[in-house]
Amino acid sequence: MPRKRPRILRAERWIPPKHVPVRRIRGMSARTRAAVRRVETEHMWPNAVAEALSQLVWVFKQPGRYLDASEVWEPGLEIEDARDRLEEVMRRLPEGARADLGRLLERLDRELERRTLPDPVLMRELASDHWWWWRIRER
């Protein structure tokens, strides 16, 4: 079987769109950032992961032991929605990038678990892997 010419191989490679400002995500390798950018281009919008991560970090910078449940959130901007977005990206990433982003998410998940309480009613009713929806915030 003849091999493909380098020109054809380069044409088949994914090339990120130009002139799209990209927010850097601290703590991730360049390979992971490229994989995330590809997932964002194909399935989401530019900087979707950076926005979700910054939203979680912003919420965790708020003072207090528990997250504030009385704060008004716009639809689609709750931390659970941001965590859902990150989980969707994790499913679509290649193995190495998934592990790299997973290390970053582990730290955020521990903080989310520490600053919320389990909801026993929802835990019995829901059979989903999205445990962050089973947590309640204190007032």
C-alpha atoms as a PDB file:
ATOM      1  CA  MET A   1       0.000   0.000   0.000  1.00  0.00           C
ATOM      2  CA  PRO A   2       1.580   3.324  -0.985  1.00  0.00           C
ATOM      3  CA  ARG A   3       2.150   5.879   1.686  1.00  0.00           C
ATOM      4  CA  LYS A   4       0.442   9.265   1.712  1.00  0.00           C
ATOM      5  CA  ARG A   5       2.475  12.227   0.639  1.00  0.00           C
ATOM      6  CA  PRO A   6       3.362  14.766   3.369  1.00  0.00           C
ATOM      7  CA  ARG A   7       1.359  17.470   1.593  1.00  0.00           C
ATOM      8  CA  ILE A   8      -1.793  15.351   1.865  1.00  0.00           C
ATOM      9  CA  LEU A   9      -1.120  14.535   5.508  1.00  0.00           C
ATOM     10  CA  ARG A  10      -0.719  18.230   6.336  1.00  0.00           C
ATOM     11  CA  ALA A  11      -3.972  19.012   4.538  1.00  0.00           C
ATOM     12  CA  GLU A  12      -5.816  16.457   6.711  1.00  0.00           C
ATOM     13  CA  ARG A  13      -4.542  17.956   9.981  1.00  0.00           C
ATOM     14  CA  TRP A  14      -6.835  20.125  12.053  1.00  0.00           C
ATOM     15  CA  ILE A  15      -5.875  23.782  11.904  1.00  0.00           C
ATOM     16  CA  PRO A  16      -7.305  26.197  14.486  1.00  0.00           C
ATOM     17  CA  PRO A  17      -9.248  29.171  13.162  1.00  0.00           C
ATOM     18  CA  LYS A  18      -7.189  32.331  12.884  1.00  0.00           C
ATOM     19  CA  HIS A  19      -7.978  35.716  14.422  1.00  0.00           C
ATOM     20  CA  VAL A  20      -9.824  34.224  17.392  1.00  0.00           C
ATOM     21  CA  PRO A  21      -8.454  35.552  20.690  1.00  0.00           C
ATOM     22  CA  VAL A  22      -7.700  32.631  22.992  1.00  0.00           C
ATOM     23  CA  ARG A  23      -7.615  32.934  26.774  1.00  0.00           C
ATOM     24  CA  ARG A  24      -4.771  31.018  28.356  1.00  0.00           C
ATOM     25  CA  ILE A  25      -5.637  28.471  31.002  1.00  0.00           C
ATOM     26  CA  ARG A  26      -3.044  28.336  33.731  1.00  0.00           C
ATOM     27  CA  GLY A  27      -1.796  24.931  34.752  1.00  0.00           C
ATOM     28  CA  MET A  28      -2.347  23.200  31.415  1.00  0.00           C
ATOM     29  CA  SER A  29       0.201  22.072  28.879  1.00  0.00           C
ATOM     30  CA  ALA A  30       0.273  23.408  25.320  1.00  0.00           C
ATOM     31  CA  ARG A  31      -0.935  20.047  23.995  1.00  0.00           C
ATOM     32  CA  THR A  32      -3.937  20.101  26.296  1.00  0.00           C
ATOM     33  CA  ARG A  33      -4.736  23.689  25.345  1.00  0.00           C
ATOM     34  CA  ALA A  34      -4.643  22.677  21.671  1.00  0.00           C
ATOM     35  CA  ALA A  35      -6.936  19.702  22.304  1.00  0.00           C
ATOM     36  CA  VAL A  36      -9.337  21.888  24.286  1.00  0.00           C
ATOM     37  CA  ARG A  37      -9.322  24.465  21.526  1.00  0.00           C
ATOM     38  CA  ARG A  38     -10.187  21.786  18.993  1.00  0.00           C
ATOM     39  CA  VAL A  39     -13.123  20.540  21.088  1.00  0.00           C
ATOM     40  CA  GLU A  40     -14.319  24.117  21.569  1.00  0.00           C
ATOM     41  CA  THR A  41     -14.143  24.770  17.811  1.00  0.00           C
ATOM     42  CA  GLU A  42     -15.967  21.589  16.860  1.00  0.00           C
ATOM     43  CA  HIS A  43     -18.603  21.368  19.616  1.00  0.00           C
ATOM     44  CA  MET A  44     -18.840  24.638  21.561  1.00  0.00           C
ATOM     45  CA  TRP A  45     -17.678  28.217  21.205  1.00  0.00           C
ATOM     46  CA  PRO A  46     -14.255  29.849  21.625  1.00  0.00           C
ATOM     47  CA  ASN A  47     -13.006  30.053  25.218  1.00  0.00           C
ATOM     48  CA  ALA A  48     -15.908  27.997  26.643  1.00  0.00           C
ATOM     49  CA  VAL A  49     -13.558  26.053  28.933  1.00  0.00           C
ATOM     50  CA  ALA A  50     -11.695  29.146  30.105  1.00  0.00           C
ATOM     51  CA  GLU A  51     -15.014  30.851  30.899  1.00  0.00           C
ATOM     52  CA  ALA A  52     -16.298  27.846  32.867  1.00  0.00           C
ATOM     53  CA  LEU A  53     -13.062  27.542  34.826  1.00  0.00           C
ATOM     54  CA  SER A  54     -12.931  31.256  35.595  1.00  0.00           C
ATOM     55  CA  GLN A  55     -16.564  31.138  36.722  1.00  0.00           C
ATOM     56  CA  LEU A  56     -15.794  28.340  39.188  1.00  0.00           C
ATOM     57  CA  VAL A  57     -12.671  30.093  40.453  1.00  0.00           C
ATOM     58  CA  TRP A  58     -14.594  33.362  40.880  1.00  0.00           C
ATOM     59  CA  VAL A  59     -17.303  31.620  42.927  1.00  0.00           C
ATOM     60  CA  PHE A  60     -14.709  29.977  45.167  1.00  0.00           C
ATOM     61  CA  LYS A  61     -13.049  33.335  45.870  1.00  0.00           C
ATOM     62  CA  GLN A  62     -16.227  34.544  47.578  1.00  0.00           C
ATOM     63  CA  PRO A  63     -15.828  34.684  51.364  1.00  0.00           C
ATOM     64  CA  GLY A  64     -17.476  32.246  53.728  1.00  0.00           C
ATOM     65  CA  ARG A  65     -17.459  28.554  54.455  1.00  0.00           C
ATOM     66  CA  TYR A  66     -20.429  27.779  52.206  1.00  0.00           C
ATOM     67  CA  LEU A  67     -21.423  29.075  48.800  1.00  0.00           C
ATOM     68  CA  ASP A  68     -24.159  31.700  48.900  1.00  0.00           C
ATOM     69  CA  ALA A  69     -27.481  30.292  47.671  1.00  0.00           C
ATOM     70  CA  SER A  70     -29.290  33.618  47.904  1.00  0.00           C
ATOM     71  CA  GLU A  71     -27.184  35.211  45.181  1.00  0.00           C
ATOM     72  CA  VAL A  72     -29.172  35.604  41.978  1.00  0.00           C
ATOM     73  CA  TRP A  73     -27.704  33.635  39.088  1.00  0.00           C
ATOM     74  CA  GLU A  74     -28.574  34.184  35.467  1.00  0.00           C
ATOM     75  CA  PRO A  75     -29.910  31.092  33.662  1.00  0.00           C
ATOM     76  CA  GLY A  76     -27.056  29.036  32.269  1.00  0.00           C
ATOM     77  CA  LEU A  77     -24.471  30.763  34.454  1.00  0.00           C
ATOM     78  CA  GLU A  78     -24.762  28.628  37.555  1.00  0.00           C
ATOM     79  CA  ILE A  79     -21.684  26.767  38.676  1.00  0.00           C
ATOM     80  CA  GLU A  80     -23.422  23.466  37.984  1.00  0.00           C
ATOM     81  CA  ASP A  81     -23.844  24.478  34.338  1.00  0.00           C
ATOM     82  CA  ALA A  82     -20.172  25.431  34.150  1.00  0.00           C
ATOM     83  CA  ARG A  83     -19.240  22.060  35.639  1.00  0.00           C
ATOM     84  CA  ASP A  84     -21.502  20.314  33.082  1.00  0.00           C
ATOM     85  CA  ARG A  85     -19.690  22.133  30.288  1.00  0.00           C
ATOM     86  CA  LEU A  86     -16.335  20.998  31.650  1.00  0.00           C
ATOM     87  CA  GLU A  87     -17.578  17.414  31.930  1.00  0.00           C
ATOM     88  CA  GLU A  88     -18.714  17.470  28.300  1.00  0.00           C
ATOM     89  CA  VAL A  89     -15.273  18.679  27.228  1.00  0.00           C
ATOM     90  CA  MET A  90     -13.637  15.954  29.344  1.00  0.00           C
ATOM     91  CA  ARG A  91     -15.625  13.279  27.481  1.00  0.00           C
ATOM     92  CA  ARG A  92     -14.459  14.587  24.104  1.00  0.00           C
ATOM     93  CA  LEU A  93     -10.755  15.095  24.902  1.00  0.00           C
ATOM     94  CA  PRO A  94      -8.053  12.555  24.052  1.00  0.00           C
ATOM     95  CA  GLU A  95      -6.669  10.545  26.958  1.00  0.00           C
ATOM     96  CA  GLY A  96      -3.588  12.647  27.745  1.00  0.00           C
ATOM     97  CA  ALA A  97      -5.437  15.950  27.630  1.00  0.00           C
ATOM     98  CA  ARG A  98      -8.256  14.447  29.692  1.00  0.00           C
ATOM     99  CA  ALA A  99      -5.785  13.531  32.434  1.00  0.00           C
ATOM    100  CA  ASP A 100      -4.237  17.010  32.381  1.00  0.00           C
ATOM    101  CA  LEU A 101      -7.590  18.819  32.617  1.00  0.00           C
ATOM    102  CA  GLY A 102      -8.770  16.198  35.116  1.00  0.00           C
ATOM    103  CA  ARG A 103      -5.999  17.170  37.543  1.00  0.00           C
ATOM    104  CA  LEU A 104      -7.198  20.765  37.405  1.00  0.00           C
ATOM    105  CA  LEU A 105     -10.825  19.721  37.872  1.00  0.00           C
ATOM    106  CA  GLU A 106     -10.016  17.494  40.853  1.00  0.00           C
ATOM    107  CA  ARG A 107      -8.889  20.529  42.828  1.00  0.00           C
ATOM    108  CA  LEU A 108     -12.024  22.478  41.878  1.00  0.00           C
ATOM    109  CA  ASP A 109     -14.267  19.491  42.663  1.00  0.00           C
ATOM    110  CA  ARG A 110     -12.751  19.136  46.126  1.00  0.00           C
ATOM    111  CA  GLU A 111     -13.459  22.808  46.790  1.00  0.00           C
ATOM    112  CA  LEU A 112     -17.019  22.486  45.477  1.00  0.00           C
ATOM    113  CA  GLU A 113     -17.610  19.467  47.672  1.00  0.00           C
ATOM    114  CA  ARG A 114     -16.118  21.235  50.684  1.00  0.00           C
ATOM    115  CA  ARG A 115     -18.250  24.352  50.267  1.00  0.00           C
ATOM    116  CA  THR A 116     -21.602  22.633  49.646  1.00  0.00           C
ATOM    117  CA  LEU A 117     -23.730  20.089  51.504  1.00  0.00           C
ATOM    118  CA  PRO A 118     -25.167  16.831  50.150  1.00  0.00           C
ATOM    119  CA  ASP A 119     -28.874  16.856  49.349  1.00  0.00           C
ATOM    120  CA  PRO A 120     -30.190  13.503  50.631  1.00  0.00           C
ATOM    121  CA  VAL A 121     -33.522  13.776  48.783  1.00  0.00           C
ATOM    122  CA  LEU A 122     -31.948  14.362  45.378  1.00  0.00           C
ATOM    123  CA  MET A 123     -29.295  11.710  45.936  1.00  0.00           C
ATOM    124  CA  ARG A 124     -31.993   9.056  46.251  1.00  0.00           C
ATOM    125  CA  GLU A 125     -34.086  10.322  43.321  1.00  0.00           C
ATOM    126  CA  LEU A 126     -31.392  10.967  40.740  1.00  0.00           C
ATOM    127  CA  ALA A 127     -29.237   8.266  39.254  1.00  0.00           C
ATOM    128  CA  SER A 128     -26.753  10.462  37.425  1.00  0.00           C
ATOM    129  CA  ASP A 129     -22.997  10.782  37.487  1.00  0.00           C
ATOM    130  CA  HIS A 130     -23.284  14.549  37.785  1.00  0.00           C
ATOM    131  CA  TRP A 131     -22.892  14.683  41.553  1.00  0.00           C
ATOM    132  CA  TRP A 132     -22.534  18.492  41.599  1.00  0.00           C
ATOM    133  CA  TRP A 133     -26.287  18.803  40.973  1.00  0.00           C
ATOM    134  CA  TRP A 134     -26.913  16.819  44.179  1.00  0.00           C
ATOM    135  CA  ARG A 135     -25.258  19.447  46.368  1.00  0.00           C
ATOM    136  CA  ILE A 136     -27.031  22.314  48.123  1.00  0.00           C
ATOM    137  CA  ARG A 137     -25.666  25.716  48.965  1.00  0.00           C
ATOM    138  CA  GLU A 138     -26.237  27.298  52.339  1.00  0.00           C
ATOM    139  CA  ARG A 139     -27.821  30.704  52.872  1.00  0.00           C
END
